[in-house]
C-alpha cells in the first residue's frame, strides 16, 4: 500500500479548471494558505498524485494541468528579469 497522500483533495473535487492561481485563491479563502513555495510544491504533488492514482478523468486533467504548470514555472516575463547595468558602456 502506498503512503503517498493527496493534500487538499476537496479543491480538486470542487473546482474546475485546475490552476495554481485558483488553488492558491481556494487555500487563501479557507484561511489555510501556507507560504508560496510550500503551496506550489503541494499543488504539483497533488497533480502528480492524481496523474498516477486518479480515475481516468482525473488522470487526464492532472496530466494536462501538470504540463501547463511545468511550462509556466520556467516562464519569466522580460519585465521580471533583473535589469542589466550599462554603466561604462559607450555606444
N, C-alpha and C. Protein backbone atom coordinates (compact mmCIF):
# COMPACT_ATOMS: atom_id res chain seq x y z
N UNK A 1 0.84 -1.18 0.00
CA UNK A 1 0.00 0.00 0.00
C UNK A 1 0.88 1.24 0.00
N UNK A 2 0.53 2.23 -0.79
CA UNK A 2 1.32 3.45 -0.90
C UNK A 2 1.07 4.38 0.27
N UNK A 3 2.14 5.06 0.71
CA UNK A 3 1.97 6.01 1.79
C UNK A 3 1.84 7.44 1.25
N UNK A 4 1.72 7.58 -0.07
CA UNK A 4 1.53 8.89 -0.68
C UNK A 4 0.08 9.31 -0.46
N UNK A 5 -0.09 10.56 0.00
CA UNK A 5 -1.43 11.07 0.24
C UNK A 5 -1.64 12.34 -0.54
N UNK A 6 -2.88 12.58 -0.87
CA UNK A 6 -3.24 13.81 -1.55
C UNK A 6 -3.59 14.85 -0.49
N UNK A 7 -3.07 16.06 -0.66
CA UNK A 7 -3.38 17.16 0.23
C UNK A 7 -4.45 18.03 -0.41
N UNK A 8 -5.41 18.45 0.37
CA UNK A 8 -6.49 19.33 -0.10
C UNK A 8 -7.28 18.70 -1.26
N UNK A 9 -7.72 17.45 -1.11
CA UNK A 9 -8.44 16.80 -2.21
C UNK A 9 -9.74 17.50 -2.58
N UNK A 10 -10.33 18.22 -1.61
CA UNK A 10 -11.59 18.91 -1.90
C UNK A 10 -11.46 19.95 -2.99
N UNK A 11 -10.29 20.58 -3.10
CA UNK A 11 -10.09 21.55 -4.19
C UNK A 11 -10.27 20.87 -5.53
N UNK A 12 -9.68 19.71 -5.70
CA UNK A 12 -9.71 19.01 -6.97
C UNK A 12 -11.07 18.37 -7.26
N UNK A 13 -11.87 18.21 -6.23
CA UNK A 13 -13.23 17.68 -6.41
C UNK A 13 -14.23 18.79 -6.71
N UNK A 14 -14.00 19.98 -6.15
CA UNK A 14 -14.98 21.06 -6.21
C UNK A 14 -14.70 22.10 -7.28
N UNK A 15 -13.52 22.13 -7.85
CA UNK A 15 -13.13 23.22 -8.75
C UNK A 15 -12.71 22.74 -10.12
N UNK A 16 -12.99 23.60 -11.10
CA UNK A 16 -12.55 23.39 -12.45
C UNK A 16 -12.48 24.74 -13.13
N UNK A 17 -11.54 25.04 -13.94
CA UNK A 17 -10.37 24.23 -14.24
C UNK A 17 -9.36 24.31 -13.10
N UNK A 18 -8.42 23.38 -13.11
CA UNK A 18 -7.38 23.37 -12.10
C UNK A 18 -6.25 24.29 -12.55
N UNK A 19 -5.83 25.16 -11.65
CA UNK A 19 -4.68 26.02 -11.93
C UNK A 19 -4.04 26.40 -10.61
N UNK A 20 -2.78 26.74 -10.66
CA UNK A 20 -2.08 27.14 -9.44
C UNK A 20 -2.75 28.36 -8.83
N UNK A 21 -3.10 29.34 -9.64
CA UNK A 21 -3.73 30.55 -9.12
C UNK A 21 -5.05 30.22 -8.42
N UNK A 22 -5.89 29.40 -9.05
CA UNK A 22 -7.15 29.02 -8.43
C UNK A 22 -6.92 28.24 -7.14
N UNK A 23 -5.91 27.39 -7.14
CA UNK A 23 -5.57 26.61 -5.94
C UNK A 23 -5.16 27.53 -4.80
N UNK A 24 -4.31 28.53 -5.09
CA UNK A 24 -3.87 29.46 -4.06
C UNK A 24 -5.03 30.30 -3.54
N UNK A 25 -5.90 30.74 -4.43
CA UNK A 25 -7.07 31.51 -4.01
C UNK A 25 -7.99 30.66 -3.14
N UNK A 26 -8.18 29.42 -3.52
CA UNK A 26 -9.01 28.49 -2.75
C UNK A 26 -8.45 28.33 -1.33
N UNK A 27 -7.14 28.11 -1.24
CA UNK A 27 -6.50 27.94 0.07
C UNK A 27 -6.60 29.22 0.90
N UNK A 28 -6.42 30.38 0.26
CA UNK A 28 -6.49 31.65 0.97
C UNK A 28 -7.90 31.91 1.49
N UNK A 29 -8.91 31.63 0.68
CA UNK A 29 -10.30 31.83 1.09
C UNK A 29 -10.65 31.00 2.32
N UNK A 30 -10.03 29.86 2.46
CA UNK A 30 -10.30 28.98 3.59
C UNK A 30 -9.38 29.24 4.78
N UNK A 31 -8.47 30.19 4.62
CA UNK A 31 -7.59 30.57 5.72
C UNK A 31 -6.49 29.58 6.04
N UNK A 32 -6.17 28.69 5.10
CA UNK A 32 -5.10 27.72 5.37
C UNK A 32 -3.99 27.78 4.32
N UNK A 33 -3.72 28.99 3.85
CA UNK A 33 -2.64 29.20 2.90
C UNK A 33 -1.32 29.22 3.66
N UNK A 34 -0.39 28.37 3.22
CA UNK A 34 0.94 28.32 3.82
C UNK A 34 1.81 29.28 3.03
N UNK A 35 3.11 29.14 3.05
CA UNK A 35 3.95 30.01 2.24
C UNK A 35 3.92 29.58 0.77
N UNK A 36 4.31 30.49 -0.07
CA UNK A 36 4.23 30.31 -1.52
C UNK A 36 4.94 29.04 -2.01
N UNK A 37 6.17 28.84 -1.58
CA UNK A 37 6.93 27.67 -2.02
C UNK A 37 6.27 26.36 -1.62
N UNK A 38 5.78 26.31 -0.40
CA UNK A 38 5.13 25.09 0.08
C UNK A 38 3.85 24.81 -0.69
N UNK A 39 3.10 25.85 -1.00
CA UNK A 39 1.84 25.67 -1.74
C UNK A 39 2.10 25.26 -3.18
N UNK A 40 3.12 25.83 -3.81
CA UNK A 40 3.47 25.44 -5.18
C UNK A 40 3.84 23.96 -5.22
N UNK A 41 4.63 23.54 -4.23
CA UNK A 41 5.03 22.14 -4.15
C UNK A 41 3.83 21.23 -3.88
N UNK A 42 2.95 21.65 -2.98
CA UNK A 42 1.76 20.86 -2.67
C UNK A 42 0.86 20.72 -3.90
N UNK A 43 0.69 21.80 -4.64
CA UNK A 43 -0.13 21.75 -5.85
C UNK A 43 0.46 20.77 -6.85
N UNK A 44 1.78 20.88 -7.08
CA UNK A 44 2.43 19.97 -8.03
C UNK A 44 2.32 18.52 -7.58
N UNK A 45 2.53 18.28 -6.30
CA UNK A 45 2.42 16.91 -5.79
C UNK A 45 1.01 16.37 -5.90
N UNK A 46 0.01 17.23 -5.70
CA UNK A 46 -1.37 16.80 -5.90
C UNK A 46 -1.61 16.38 -7.34
N UNK A 47 -1.10 17.19 -8.27
CA UNK A 47 -1.27 16.84 -9.68
C UNK A 47 -0.56 15.53 -10.01
N UNK A 48 0.65 15.35 -9.49
CA UNK A 48 1.38 14.11 -9.73
C UNK A 48 0.63 12.92 -9.14
N UNK A 49 0.09 13.10 -7.95
CA UNK A 49 -0.68 12.03 -7.31
C UNK A 49 -1.88 11.64 -8.18
N UNK A 50 -2.65 12.65 -8.61
CA UNK A 50 -3.84 12.38 -9.42
C UNK A 50 -3.49 11.82 -10.79
N UNK A 51 -2.37 12.25 -11.36
CA UNK A 51 -1.94 11.75 -12.66
C UNK A 51 -1.64 10.26 -12.60
N UNK A 52 -1.25 9.78 -11.42
CA UNK A 52 -0.91 8.37 -11.26
C UNK A 52 -1.98 7.54 -10.57
N UNK A 53 -2.80 8.17 -9.74
CA UNK A 53 -3.74 7.42 -8.89
C UNK A 53 -5.20 7.80 -9.06
N UNK A 54 -5.50 8.82 -9.84
CA UNK A 54 -6.89 9.25 -10.01
C UNK A 54 -7.63 8.35 -10.98
N UNK A 55 -8.93 8.65 -11.11
CA UNK A 55 -9.71 7.92 -12.11
C UNK A 55 -9.31 8.45 -13.49
N UNK A 56 -9.89 7.91 -14.54
CA UNK A 56 -9.49 8.28 -15.90
C UNK A 56 -9.60 9.78 -16.15
N UNK A 57 -10.71 10.38 -15.73
CA UNK A 57 -10.91 11.82 -15.95
C UNK A 57 -9.89 12.64 -15.16
N UNK A 58 -9.65 12.26 -13.91
CA UNK A 58 -8.69 12.97 -13.08
C UNK A 58 -7.28 12.84 -13.63
N UNK A 59 -6.93 11.65 -14.10
CA UNK A 59 -5.59 11.45 -14.66
C UNK A 59 -5.35 12.37 -15.86
N UNK A 60 -6.34 12.45 -16.73
CA UNK A 60 -6.21 13.31 -17.91
C UNK A 60 -6.08 14.78 -17.53
N UNK A 61 -6.96 15.24 -16.64
CA UNK A 61 -6.90 16.65 -16.23
C UNK A 61 -5.61 16.94 -15.48
N UNK A 62 -5.18 16.02 -14.65
CA UNK A 62 -3.96 16.23 -13.86
C UNK A 62 -2.73 16.30 -14.77
N UNK A 63 -2.66 15.43 -15.76
CA UNK A 63 -1.52 15.44 -16.68
C UNK A 63 -1.50 16.74 -17.47
N UNK A 64 -2.65 17.19 -17.93
CA UNK A 64 -2.73 18.45 -18.67
C UNK A 64 -2.35 19.64 -17.78
N UNK A 65 -2.87 19.66 -16.57
CA UNK A 65 -2.56 20.74 -15.63
C UNK A 65 -1.09 20.72 -15.24
N UNK A 66 -0.53 19.54 -15.09
CA UNK A 66 0.87 19.40 -14.73
C UNK A 66 1.77 19.93 -15.85
N UNK A 67 1.43 19.64 -17.09
CA UNK A 67 2.20 20.16 -18.21
C UNK A 67 2.15 21.68 -18.24
N UNK A 68 0.97 22.25 -18.04
CA UNK A 68 0.81 23.70 -18.02
C UNK A 68 1.59 24.30 -16.87
N UNK A 69 1.53 23.67 -15.70
CA UNK A 69 2.24 24.16 -14.52
C UNK A 69 3.75 24.13 -14.76
N UNK A 70 4.27 23.07 -15.32
CA UNK A 70 5.71 22.95 -15.54
C UNK A 70 6.20 23.98 -16.55
N UNK A 71 5.42 24.25 -17.58
CA UNK A 71 5.80 25.25 -18.57
C UNK A 71 5.80 26.63 -17.93
N UNK A 72 4.75 26.96 -17.18
CA UNK A 72 4.66 28.29 -16.59
C UNK A 72 5.69 28.50 -15.50
N UNK A 73 6.16 27.44 -14.87
CA UNK A 73 7.17 27.57 -13.83
C UNK A 73 8.50 28.04 -14.39
N UNK A 74 8.75 27.75 -15.67
CA UNK A 74 10.00 28.15 -16.29
C UNK A 74 9.88 29.46 -17.06
N UNK A 75 8.67 29.92 -17.25
CA UNK A 75 8.44 31.15 -18.00
C UNK A 75 8.63 32.34 -17.07
N UNK A 76 9.40 33.29 -17.49
CA UNK A 76 9.59 34.52 -16.71
C UNK A 76 9.49 35.69 -17.68
N UNK A 77 8.45 36.51 -17.53
CA UNK A 77 8.32 37.65 -18.43
C UNK A 77 9.55 38.55 -18.37
N UNK A 78 9.85 39.19 -19.49
CA UNK A 78 11.06 40.01 -19.56
C UNK A 78 11.10 41.09 -18.50
N UNK A 79 9.94 41.63 -18.10
CA UNK A 79 9.95 42.71 -17.12
C UNK A 79 10.25 42.23 -15.71
N UNK A 80 10.30 40.92 -15.49
CA UNK A 80 10.67 40.39 -14.19
C UNK A 80 12.14 39.99 -14.13
N UNK A 81 12.81 40.02 -15.28
CA UNK A 81 14.22 39.67 -15.30
C UNK A 81 15.03 40.80 -14.66
N UNK A 82 16.16 40.47 -14.03
CA UNK A 82 16.97 41.52 -13.43
C UNK A 82 17.45 42.50 -14.50
N UNK A 83 17.51 43.75 -14.13
CA UNK A 83 17.95 44.77 -15.09
C UNK A 83 19.45 44.63 -15.33
N UNK A 84 19.85 45.02 -16.48
CA UNK A 84 21.27 44.94 -16.86
C UNK A 84 21.87 46.33 -16.68
N UNK A 85 22.99 46.40 -15.97
CA UNK A 85 23.67 47.67 -15.78
C UNK A 85 24.41 48.03 -17.06
N UNK A 86 24.34 49.30 -17.40
CA UNK A 86 25.02 49.75 -18.61
C UNK A 86 26.08 50.79 -18.28
N UNK A 87 26.45 50.91 -17.01
CA UNK A 87 27.48 51.87 -16.61
C UNK A 87 28.77 51.59 -17.38
N UNK A 88 29.36 52.63 -17.91
CA UNK A 88 30.63 52.47 -18.61
C UNK A 88 30.47 52.04 -20.05
N UNK A 89 29.26 51.78 -20.47
CA UNK A 89 29.05 51.36 -21.85
C UNK A 89 28.93 52.59 -22.73
N UNK A 90 29.69 52.63 -23.75
CA UNK A 90 29.62 53.75 -24.69
C UNK A 90 29.24 53.19 -26.05
N UNK A 91 28.15 53.66 -26.54
CA UNK A 91 27.74 53.10 -27.80
C UNK A 91 27.14 54.08 -28.72
